[in-house]
Amino acid sequence: TRSGIYPGVLYPGSIGGLPLNETTIAE
């Protein structure tokens, strides 16, 4: 809910995605 990955799931043509200002384990 904090990163906005809702409702449901992303699709091949989805405009959005995991925001680049979110920090991943890799980062």
PDB file of all heavy atoms in Angstrom:
ATOM      1  N   THR A   1       0.826  -1.205   0.000  1.00  0.00           N
ATOM      2  CA  THR A   1       0.000   0.000   0.000  1.00  0.00           C
ATOM      3  C   THR A   1       0.862   1.258   0.000  1.00  0.00           C
ATOM      4  O   THR A   1       0.454   2.297  -0.530  1.00  0.00           O
ATOM      5  CB  THR A   1      -0.916   0.000   1.234  1.00  0.00           C
ATOM      6  OG1 THR A   1      -0.162  -0.452   2.371  1.00  0.00           O
ATOM      7  CG2 THR A   1      -2.094  -0.944   1.026  1.00  0.00           C
ATOM      8  N   ARG A   2       2.042   1.189   0.589  1.00  0.00           N
ATOM      9  CA  ARG A   2       2.935   2.349   0.626  1.00  0.00           C
ATOM     10  C   ARG A   2       3.538   2.637  -0.752  1.00  0.00           C
ATOM     11  O   ARG A   2       3.695   3.799  -1.144  1.00  0.00           O
ATOM     12  CB  ARG A   2       4.051   2.143   1.652  1.00  0.00           C
ATOM     13  CG  ARG A   2       3.554   1.916   3.076  1.00  0.00           C
ATOM     14  CD  ARG A   2       4.703   1.995   4.077  1.00  0.00           C
ATOM     15  NE  ARG A   2       4.314   1.488   5.388  1.00  0.00           N
ATOM     16  CZ  ARG A   2       3.661   2.185   6.309  1.00  0.00           C
ATOM     17  NH1 ARG A   2       3.303   3.420   6.060  1.00  0.00           N
ATOM     18  NH2 ARG A   2       3.368   1.641   7.491  1.00  0.00           N
ATOM     19  N   SER A   3       3.892   1.584  -1.490  1.00  0.00           N
ATOM     20  CA  SER A   3       4.540   1.775  -2.795  1.00  0.00           C
ATOM     21  C   SER A   3       3.546   1.897  -3.936  1.00  0.00           C
ATOM     22  O   SER A   3       3.938   2.219  -5.067  1.00  0.00           O
ATOM     23  CB  SER A   3       5.504   0.614  -3.071  1.00  0.00           C
ATOM     24  OG  SER A   3       4.815  -0.632  -3.073  1.00  0.00           O
ATOM     25  N   GLY A   4       2.279   1.625  -3.670  1.00  0.00           N
ATOM     26  CA  GLY A   4       1.263   1.784  -4.711  1.00  0.00           C
ATOM     27  C   GLY A   4       1.075   0.585  -5.606  1.00  0.00           C
ATOM     28  O   GLY A   4       0.425   0.690  -6.652  1.00  0.00           O
ATOM     29  N   ILE A   5       1.614  -0.579  -5.227  1.00  0.00           N
ATOM     30  CA  ILE A   5       1.450  -1.774  -6.070  1.00  0.00           C
ATOM     31  C   ILE A   5       0.153  -2.475  -5.649  1.00  0.00           C
ATOM     32  O   ILE A   5       0.144  -3.473  -4.928  1.00  0.00           O
ATOM     33  CB  ILE A   5       2.677  -2.705  -5.979  1.00  0.00           C
ATOM     34  CG1 ILE A   5       3.943  -1.930  -6.330  1.00  0.00           C
ATOM     35  CG2 ILE A   5       2.514  -3.893  -6.931  1.00  0.00           C
ATOM     36  CD1 ILE A   5       3.950  -1.322  -7.729  1.00  0.00           C
ATOM     37  N   TYR A   6      -0.932  -1.896  -6.096  1.00  0.00           N
ATOM     38  CA  TYR A   6      -2.295  -2.378  -5.831  1.00  0.00           C
ATOM     39  C   TYR A   6      -3.214  -1.608  -6.761  1.00  0.00           C
ATOM     40  O   TYR A   6      -2.813  -0.564  -7.295  1.00  0.00           O
ATOM     41  CB  TYR A   6      -2.684  -2.139  -4.364  1.00  0.00           C
ATOM     42  CG  TYR A   6      -2.838  -0.669  -4.012  1.00  0.00           C
ATOM     43  CD1 TYR A   6      -4.065   0.004  -4.195  1.00  0.00           C
ATOM     44  CD2 TYR A   6      -1.757   0.093  -3.561  1.00  0.00           C
ATOM     45  CE1 TYR A   6      -4.201   1.362  -3.922  1.00  0.00           C
ATOM     46  CE2 TYR A   6      -1.897   1.444  -3.293  1.00  0.00           C
ATOM     47  CZ  TYR A   6      -3.115   2.063  -3.475  1.00  0.00           C
ATOM     48  OH  TYR A   6      -3.245   3.408  -3.209  1.00  0.00           O
ATOM     49  N   PRO A   7      -4.441  -2.009  -7.010  1.00  0.00           N
ATOM     50  CA  PRO A   7      -5.023  -3.319  -6.682  1.00  0.00           C
ATOM     51  C   PRO A   7      -4.620  -4.355  -7.729  1.00  0.00           C
ATOM     52  O   PRO A   7      -4.337  -4.023  -8.878  1.00  0.00           O
ATOM     53  CB  PRO A   7      -6.524  -3.026  -6.743  1.00  0.00           C
ATOM     54  CG  PRO A   7      -6.644  -1.985  -7.815  1.00  0.00           C
ATOM     55  CD  PRO A   7      -5.416  -1.121  -7.685  1.00  0.00           C
ATOM     56  N   GLY A   8      -4.592  -5.610  -7.356  1.00  0.00           N
ATOM     57  CA  GLY A   8      -4.276  -6.666  -8.300  1.00  0.00           C
ATOM     58  C   GLY A   8      -2.813  -6.666  -8.708  1.00  0.00           C
ATOM     59  O   GLY A   8      -1.926  -6.369  -7.902  1.00  0.00           O
ATOM     60  N   VAL A   9      -2.571  -6.979  -9.982  1.00  0.00           N
ATOM     61  CA  VAL A   9      -1.206  -7.169 -10.470  1.00  0.00           C
ATOM     62  C   VAL A   9      -0.948  -6.315 -11.704  1.00  0.00           C
ATOM     63  O   VAL A   9      -1.862  -5.785 -12.332  1.00  0.00           O
ATOM     64  CB  VAL A   9      -0.939  -8.654 -10.801  1.00  0.00           C
ATOM     65  CG1 VAL A   9      -1.163  -9.523  -9.581  1.00  0.00           C
ATOM     66  CG2 VAL A   9      -1.806  -9.132 -11.968  1.00  0.00           C
ATOM     67  N   LEU A  10       0.331  -6.212 -12.049  1.00  0.00           N
ATOM     68  CA  LEU A  10       0.763  -5.475 -13.237  1.00  0.00           C
ATOM     69  C   LEU A  10       0.686  -6.364 -14.479  1.00  0.00           C
ATOM     70  O   LEU A  10       0.828  -7.589 -14.394  1.00  0.00           O
ATOM     71  CB  LEU A  10       2.180  -4.956 -13.047  1.00  0.00           C
ATOM     72  CG  LEU A  10       2.300  -3.855 -11.966  1.00  0.00           C
ATOM     73  CD1 LEU A  10       3.713  -3.809 -11.403  1.00  0.00           C
ATOM     74  CD2 LEU A  10       1.903  -2.500 -12.532  1.00  0.00           C
ATOM     75  N   TYR A  11       0.507  -5.728 -15.637  1.00  0.00           N
ATOM     76  CA  TYR A  11       0.367  -6.440 -16.905  1.00  0.00           C
ATOM     77  C   TYR A  11       1.439  -5.987 -17.896  1.00  0.00           C
ATOM     78  O   TYR A  11       2.139  -4.990 -17.653  1.00  0.00           O
ATOM     79  CB  TYR A  11      -1.043  -6.222 -17.467  1.00  0.00           C
ATOM     80  CG  TYR A  11      -2.083  -6.982 -16.679  1.00  0.00           C
ATOM     81  CD1 TYR A  11      -2.677  -6.430 -15.547  1.00  0.00           C
ATOM     82  CD2 TYR A  11      -2.427  -8.296 -17.026  1.00  0.00           C
ATOM     83  CE1 TYR A  11      -3.604  -7.137 -14.798  1.00  0.00           C
ATOM     84  CE2 TYR A  11      -3.353  -9.015 -16.287  1.00  0.00           C
ATOM     85  CZ  TYR A  11      -3.937  -8.433 -15.182  1.00  0.00           C
ATOM     86  OH  TYR A  11      -4.841  -9.146 -14.431  1.00  0.00           O
ATOM     87  N   PRO A  12       1.596  -6.697 -19.021  1.00  0.00           N
ATOM     88  CA  PRO A  12       2.649  -6.337 -19.981  1.00  0.00           C
ATOM     89  C   PRO A  12       2.621  -4.877 -20.419  1.00  0.00           C
ATOM     90  O   PRO A  12       3.665  -4.259 -20.597  1.00  0.00           O
ATOM     91  CB  PRO A  12       2.384  -7.280 -21.157  1.00  0.00           C
ATOM     92  CG  PRO A  12       1.758  -8.485 -20.533  1.00  0.00           C
ATOM     93  CD  PRO A  12       0.920  -7.957 -19.410  1.00  0.00           C
ATOM     94  N   GLY A  13       1.430  -4.305 -20.579  1.00  0.00           N
ATOM     95  CA  GLY A  13       1.324  -2.926 -21.024  1.00  0.00           C
ATOM     96  C   GLY A  13       1.064  -1.925 -19.915  1.00  0.00           C
ATOM     97  O   GLY A  13       0.728  -0.768 -20.194  1.00  0.00           O
ATOM     98  N   SER A  14       1.221  -2.336 -18.662  1.00  0.00           N
ATOM     99  CA  SER A  14       0.957  -1.421 -17.549  1.00  0.00           C
ATOM    100  C   SER A  14       1.820  -0.172 -17.637  1.00  0.00           C
ATOM    101  O   SER A  14       3.023  -0.239 -17.910  1.00  0.00           O
ATOM    102  CB  SER A  14       1.208  -2.117 -16.206  1.00  0.00           C
ATOM    103  OG  SER A  14       0.203  -3.074 -15.935  1.00  0.00           O
ATOM    104  N   ILE A  15       1.210   0.969 -17.387  1.00  0.00           N
ATOM    105  CA  ILE A  15       1.934   2.239 -17.424  1.00  0.00           C
ATOM    106  C   ILE A  15       2.791   2.401 -16.178  1.00  0.00           C
ATOM    107  O   ILE A  15       3.900   2.949 -16.231  1.00  0.00           O
ATOM    108  CB  ILE A  15       0.920   3.399 -17.557  1.00  0.00           C
ATOM    109  CG1 ILE A  15       0.194   3.303 -18.903  1.00  0.00           C
ATOM    110  CG2 ILE A  15       1.606   4.749 -17.403  1.00  0.00           C
ATOM    111  CD1 ILE A  15      -1.008   4.209 -19.031  1.00  0.00           C
ATOM    112  N   GLY A  16       2.300   1.913 -15.043  1.00  0.00           N
ATOM    113  CA  GLY A  16       3.023   2.040 -13.788  1.00  0.00           C
ATOM    114  C   GLY A  16       3.926   0.859 -13.495  1.00  0.00           C
ATOM    115  O   GLY A  16       4.039  -0.102 -14.269  1.00  0.00           O
ATOM    116  N   GLY A  17       4.579   0.925 -12.347  1.00  0.00           N
ATOM    117  CA  GLY A  17       5.472  -0.130 -11.886  1.00  0.00           C
ATOM    118  C   GLY A  17       6.000   0.242 -10.513  1.00  0.00           C
ATOM    119  O   GLY A  17       5.591   1.251  -9.922  1.00  0.00           O
ATOM    120  N   LEU A  18       6.907  -0.556  -9.982  1.00  0.00           N
ATOM    121  CA  LEU A  18       7.493  -0.233  -8.684  1.00  0.00           C
ATOM    122  C   LEU A  18       8.202   1.112  -8.795  1.00  0.00           C
ATOM    123  O   LEU A  18       9.157   1.251  -9.568  1.00  0.00           O
ATOM    124  CB  LEU A  18       8.489  -1.318  -8.252  1.00  0.00           C
ATOM    125  CG  LEU A  18       9.122  -1.105  -6.878  1.00  0.00           C
ATOM    126  CD1 LEU A  18       8.074  -1.237  -5.773  1.00  0.00           C
ATOM    127  CD2 LEU A  18      10.259  -2.101  -6.642  1.00  0.00           C
ATOM    128  N   PRO A  19       7.738   2.128  -8.053  1.00  0.00           N
ATOM    129  CA  PRO A  19       8.336   3.466  -8.196  1.00  0.00           C
ATOM    130  C   PRO A  19       9.847   3.438  -8.005  1.00  0.00           C
ATOM    131  O   PRO A  19      10.366   2.742  -7.120  1.00  0.00           O
ATOM    132  CB  PRO A  19       7.642   4.267  -7.087  1.00  0.00           C
ATOM    133  CG  PRO A  19       6.323   3.585  -6.890  1.00  0.00           C
ATOM    134  CD  PRO A  19       6.619   2.116  -7.087  1.00  0.00           C
ATOM    135  N   LEU A  20      10.534   4.200  -8.832  1.00  0.00           N
ATOM    136  CA  LEU A  20      11.998   4.177  -8.798  1.00  0.00           C
ATOM    137  C   LEU A  20      12.557   4.820  -7.537  1.00  0.00           C
ATOM    138  O   LEU A  20      13.741   4.631  -7.229  1.00  0.00           O
ATOM    139  CB  LEU A  20      12.554   4.872 -10.043  1.00  0.00           C
ATOM    140  CG  LEU A  20      12.152   4.231 -11.383  1.00  0.00           C
ATOM    141  CD1 LEU A  20      12.799   4.960 -12.548  1.00  0.00           C
ATOM    142  CD2 LEU A  20      12.497   2.743 -11.417  1.00  0.00           C
ATOM    143  N   ASN A  21      11.733   5.542  -6.791  1.00  0.00           N
ATOM    144  CA  ASN A  21      12.214   6.094  -5.532  1.00  0.00           C
ATOM    145  C   ASN A  21      12.068   5.128  -4.366  1.00  0.00           C
ATOM    146  O   ASN A  21      12.480   5.430  -3.247  1.00  0.00           O
ATOM    147  CB  ASN A  21      11.522   7.424  -5.204  1.00  0.00           C
ATOM    148  CG  ASN A  21      10.021   7.286  -5.031  1.00  0.00           C
ATOM    149  OD1 ASN A  21       9.463   6.208  -5.228  1.00  0.00           O
ATOM    150  ND2 ASN A  21       9.358   8.372  -4.673  1.00  0.00           N
ATOM    151  N   GLU A  22      11.473   3.958  -4.623  1.00  0.00           N
ATOM    152  CA  GLU A  22      11.480   2.894  -3.618  1.00  0.00           C
ATOM    153  C   GLU A  22      12.868   2.252  -3.592  1.00  0.00           C
ATOM    154  O   GLU A  22      13.519   2.106  -4.635  1.00  0.00           O
ATOM    155  CB  GLU A  22      10.427   1.841  -3.927  1.00  0.00           C
ATOM    156  CG  GLU A  22       8.995   2.314  -3.727  1.00  0.00           C
ATOM    157  CD  GLU A  22       8.616   2.459  -2.263  1.00  0.00           C
ATOM    158  OE1 GLU A  22       9.204   1.773  -1.412  1.00  0.00           O
ATOM    159  OE2 GLU A  22       7.715   3.269  -1.974  1.00  0.00           O
ATOM    160  N   THR A  23      13.324   1.849  -2.424  1.00  0.00           N
ATOM    161  CA  THR A  23      14.657   1.260  -2.275  1.00  0.00           C
ATOM    162  C   THR A  23      14.539  -0.247  -2.134  1.00  0.00           C
ATOM    163  O   THR A  23      13.907  -0.745  -1.198  1.00  0.00           O
ATOM    164  CB  THR A  23      15.376   1.842  -1.046  1.00  0.00           C
ATOM    165  OG1 THR A  23      15.425   3.263  -1.153  1.00  0.00           O
ATOM    166  CG2 THR A  23      16.796   1.293  -0.945  1.00  0.00           C
ATOM    167  N   THR A  24      15.149  -0.977  -3.060  1.00  0.00           N
ATOM    168  CA  THR A  24      15.107  -2.438  -3.037  1.00  0.00           C
ATOM    169  C   THR A  24      16.271  -3.012  -2.234  1.00  0.00           C
ATOM    170  O   THR A  24      17.235  -2.301  -1.907  1.00  0.00           O
ATOM    171  CB  THR A  24      15.162  -3.011  -4.458  1.00  0.00           C
ATOM    172  OG1 THR A  24      16.462  -2.726  -5.020  1.00  0.00           O
ATOM    173  CG2 THR A  24      14.074  -2.410  -5.343  1.00  0.00           C
ATOM    174  N   ILE A  25      16.199  -4.304  -1.953  1.00  0.00           N
ATOM    175  CA  ILE A  25      17.309  -4.990  -1.279  1.00  0.00           C
ATOM    176  C   ILE A  25      18.601  -4.786  -2.057  1.00  0.00           C
ATOM    177  O   ILE A  25      19.659  -4.530  -1.476  1.00  0.00           O
ATOM    178  CB  ILE A  25      17.005  -6.497  -1.137  1.00  0.00           C
ATOM    179  CG1 ILE A  25      15.793  -6.736  -0.245  1.00  0.00           C
ATOM    180  CG2 ILE A  25      18.224  -7.234  -0.578  1.00  0.00           C
ATOM    181  CD1 ILE A  25      15.321  -8.187  -0.201  1.00  0.00           C
ATOM    182  N   ALA A  26      18.525  -4.889  -3.385  1.00  0.00           N
ATOM    183  CA  ALA A  26      19.725  -4.710  -4.214  1.00  0.00           C
ATOM    184  C   ALA A  26      20.328  -3.328  -4.011  1.00  0.00           C
ATOM    185  O   ALA A  26      21.563  -3.168  -3.932  1.00  0.00           O
ATOM    186  CB  ALA A  26      19.383  -4.940  -5.686  1.00  0.00           C
ATOM    187  N   GLU A  27      19.466  -2.310  -3.918  1.00  0.00           N
ATOM    188  CA  GLU A  27      19.967  -0.942  -3.734  1.00  0.00           C
ATOM    189  C   GLU A  27      20.515  -0.712  -2.331  1.00  0.00           C
ATOM    190  O   GLU A  27      21.385   0.145  -2.132  1.00  0.00           O
ATOM    191  CB  GLU A  27      18.847   0.045  -4.060  1.00  0.00           C
ATOM    192  CG  GLU A  27      18.529   0.091  -5.553  1.00  0.00           C
ATOM    193  CD  GLU A  27      17.256   0.843  -5.873  1.00  0.00           C
ATOM    194  OE1 GLU A  27      16.242   0.636  -5.167  1.00  0.00           O
ATOM    195  OE2 GLU A  27      17.268   1.628  -6.844  1.00  0.00           O
TER     196      GLU A  27
END
